Each structure stands twice: as C-alpha cells, then as structure tokens.
Amino acid sequence: MLDTHSNAEFTFKMSAVLFAFVQRMLLATRYSWQGLRAGWRTQASLRYEFCCSLVIIPLAVWLGQTSIERALLIGSWLLVVVVEFINSAIETVVDRIGSDLDELSGRAKDLASAAVFCSIVLSVTVWVILCLDRWTQYFRN
C-alpha cells in the first residue's frame, strides 16, 4: 500500500515531467514557426510551392475519391515542400561555411537539389497515375 507521502511525491514528479514536456513542445513550435517564416522570407521556391499548395490541396480533395487517394495526392505534394525545406537548410549551412567554390560544397548542394527533383518526380507520378485512372473511368462509363 502506498502512503500519502509517496503518492504526493509521485504526483509532483509527474507534474514536473508534464511541465517540461509542454515547455519543450512550445519551444519546438516556436522554432518551427521561425523556420517557416525564414523560408517564406528567403526562399522563392518555397513561396512558389506554398502558393501551388493553395490550388493543389483543394484539387486533391476534389479529385481523390477515397481518403487513401487524397492522402497520396496531398502527401506526395507536401513531401516536395518538406524536401525543399531540407534543401534550403543544406544550402544555408553550405553558404554559411564559406563563399569559396568548393567541390564538396557544390556536391552537397547538387545532391540536395536532386532530392527535390526526385520528390517532384514522385508527386507528378502519383498525380498522373490517379488522373489517368479518373480519365479512363470517365470514358469507360
């Protein structure tokens, strides 16, 4: 049987853990918002992709007939945005290190750019496959 002292101690420890968790989540959210704002201010490609999202996401909701299709359409596009953020972070760090032309720095930027390209190819592939499926369904009926 637990005495009231150990029960109160347990409650106090759990309160401290919960407080620390909430504090970390608030800080993480703040840092994420700072990253979103910095990306919007400094990266034209991110602004372009965000603006495209205003069309792509509603179109995906309309075009997808099931929740899985909608998730694939929206998720494949959001992956492009995520990879673009990573690409921007890599470019920022490389630029911070120095402005001298360096083979490894160039390779890092090229690889990050290739990742963005691959994510775009993936998204286009998902969209084309689903649109072709809708097109064939339309003409079959």
Protein backbone atom coordinates (compact mmCIF):
# COMPACT_ATOMS: atom_id res chain seq x y z
CA MET A 1 0.00 0.00 0.00
CA LEU A 2 1.32 3.43 -0.92
CA ASP A 3 1.46 6.02 1.77
CA THR A 4 0.24 9.55 1.10
CA HIS A 5 3.80 10.90 1.10
CA SER A 6 4.96 8.71 -1.81
CA ASN A 7 1.71 9.37 -3.68
CA ALA A 8 2.20 13.13 -3.34
CA GLU A 9 5.83 12.76 -4.42
CA PHE A 10 4.75 10.78 -7.48
CA THR A 11 2.16 13.43 -8.38
CA PHE A 12 4.77 16.18 -8.01
CA LYS A 13 7.24 14.33 -10.25
CA MET A 14 4.59 13.71 -12.88
CA SER A 15 3.63 17.39 -12.81
CA ALA A 16 7.27 18.35 -13.33
CA VAL A 17 7.58 15.90 -16.25
CA LEU A 18 4.38 17.21 -17.82
CA PHE A 19 5.51 20.81 -17.40
CA ALA A 20 8.90 20.05 -19.01
CA PHE A 21 7.15 18.26 -21.89
CA VAL A 22 4.77 21.18 -22.53
CA GLN A 23 7.66 23.63 -22.33
CA ARG A 24 9.68 21.62 -24.90
CA MET A 25 6.68 21.41 -27.21
CA LEU A 26 6.10 25.15 -27.02
CA LEU A 27 9.76 25.86 -27.80
CA ALA A 28 9.75 23.36 -30.67
CA THR A 29 6.62 25.01 -32.08
CA ARG A 30 8.25 28.43 -31.80
CA TYR A 31 11.38 27.23 -33.62
CA SER A 32 9.24 25.63 -36.33
CA TRP A 33 7.33 28.88 -36.89
CA GLN A 34 10.65 30.73 -37.10
CA GLY A 35 11.77 28.25 -39.76
CA LEU A 36 8.53 28.64 -41.71
CA ARG A 37 8.85 32.44 -41.62
CA ALA A 38 12.52 32.33 -42.61
CA GLY A 39 11.73 30.00 -45.50
CA TRP A 40 8.94 32.28 -46.70
CA ARG A 41 11.15 35.39 -46.46
CA THR A 42 14.28 34.00 -48.05
CA GLN A 43 13.34 31.15 -50.41
CA ALA A 44 11.43 31.95 -53.60
CA SER A 45 10.96 28.24 -54.35
CA LEU A 46 9.19 27.72 -51.03
CA ARG A 47 6.89 30.67 -51.68
CA TYR A 48 6.09 29.20 -55.09
CA GLU A 49 5.38 25.77 -53.61
CA PHE A 50 3.18 27.24 -50.87
CA CYS A 51 1.19 29.15 -53.48
CA CYS A 52 0.85 25.99 -55.57
CA SER A 53 -0.48 24.27 -52.45
CA LEU A 54 -3.45 26.65 -52.48
CA VAL A 55 -4.51 25.03 -55.76
CA ILE A 56 -3.12 21.52 -55.37
CA ILE A 57 -4.63 20.63 -51.99
CA PRO A 58 -8.24 21.58 -52.85
CA LEU A 59 -7.80 19.86 -56.23
CA ALA A 60 -6.58 16.71 -54.46
CA VAL A 61 -9.60 16.75 -52.16
CA TRP A 62 -11.88 17.05 -55.19
CA LEU A 63 -10.03 14.54 -57.39
CA GLY A 64 -9.42 11.83 -54.81
CA GLN A 65 -12.39 9.52 -54.43
CA THR A 66 -11.13 7.80 -51.28
CA SER A 67 -9.24 9.03 -48.25
CA ILE A 68 -6.22 6.96 -49.39
CA GLU A 69 -6.19 8.71 -52.78
CA ARG A 70 -6.49 12.12 -51.14
CA ALA A 71 -3.68 11.27 -48.73
CA LEU A 72 -1.44 10.15 -51.61
CA LEU A 73 -2.14 13.26 -53.66
CA ILE A 74 -1.70 15.71 -50.78
CA GLY A 75 1.13 13.77 -49.14
CA SER A 76 3.15 13.50 -52.33
CA TRP A 77 2.94 17.26 -52.75
CA LEU A 78 3.74 18.02 -49.11
CA LEU A 79 6.80 15.79 -49.47
CA VAL A 80 8.06 18.23 -52.13
CA VAL A 81 7.69 21.09 -49.64
CA VAL A 82 9.44 19.12 -46.88
CA VAL A 83 12.37 18.20 -49.14
CA GLU A 84 12.58 21.83 -50.29
CA PHE A 85 12.94 22.92 -46.66
CA ILE A 86 15.75 20.40 -46.19
CA ASN A 87 17.39 21.59 -49.41
CA SER A 88 17.17 25.20 -48.23
CA ALA A 89 18.69 24.26 -44.86
CA ILE A 90 21.61 22.48 -46.56
CA GLU A 91 22.21 25.42 -48.89
CA THR A 92 22.12 27.83 -45.95
CA VAL A 93 24.67 25.83 -44.00
CA VAL A 94 26.96 25.46 -47.01
CA ASP A 95 26.73 29.19 -47.70
CA ARG A 96 27.47 29.90 -44.02
CA ILE A 97 30.66 27.85 -44.18
CA GLY A 98 32.09 29.94 -46.97
CA SER A 99 31.55 31.51 -50.34
CA ASP A 100 34.64 29.92 -51.92
CA LEU A 101 33.96 27.45 -54.69
CA ASP A 102 34.47 24.00 -53.23
CA GLU A 103 33.82 20.63 -54.83
CA LEU A 104 32.22 19.12 -51.71
CA SER A 105 30.05 22.17 -51.08
CA GLY A 106 28.86 22.06 -54.68
CA ARG A 107 28.20 18.35 -54.42
CA ALA A 108 26.16 18.84 -51.23
CA LYS A 109 24.02 21.48 -52.92
CA ASP A 110 23.63 19.32 -56.06
CA LEU A 111 22.58 16.29 -54.02
CA ALA A 112 20.01 18.33 -52.09
CA SER A 113 18.68 19.71 -55.36
CA ALA A 114 18.48 16.18 -56.77
CA ALA A 115 16.40 15.19 -53.74
CA VAL A 116 13.94 17.98 -54.54
CA PHE A 117 13.81 16.83 -58.16
CA CYS A 118 13.12 13.22 -57.09
CA SER A 119 10.32 14.33 -54.77
CA ILE A 120 8.76 16.32 -57.63
CA VAL A 121 9.01 13.29 -59.94
CA LEU A 122 7.31 11.19 -57.25
CA SER A 123 4.50 13.71 -56.83
CA VAL A 124 3.95 14.07 -60.58
CA THR A 125 3.91 10.29 -60.94
CA VAL A 126 1.22 9.92 -58.25
CA TRP A 127 -0.86 12.68 -59.83
CA VAL A 128 -0.51 11.31 -63.38
CA ILE A 129 -1.44 7.76 -62.35
CA LEU A 130 -4.51 8.94 -60.47
CA CYS A 131 -5.59 11.36 -63.21
CA LEU A 132 -5.21 8.66 -65.86
CA ASP A 133 -7.32 6.36 -63.71
CA ARG A 134 -10.05 9.03 -63.44
CA TRP A 135 -9.84 9.68 -67.19
CA THR A 136 -10.24 6.00 -68.08
CA GLN A 137 -13.14 5.66 -65.62
CA TYR A 138 -14.84 8.65 -67.20
CA PHE A 139 -14.63 7.26 -70.74
CA ARG A 140 -15.46 3.71 -69.70
CA ASN A 141 -18.84 4.77 -68.34
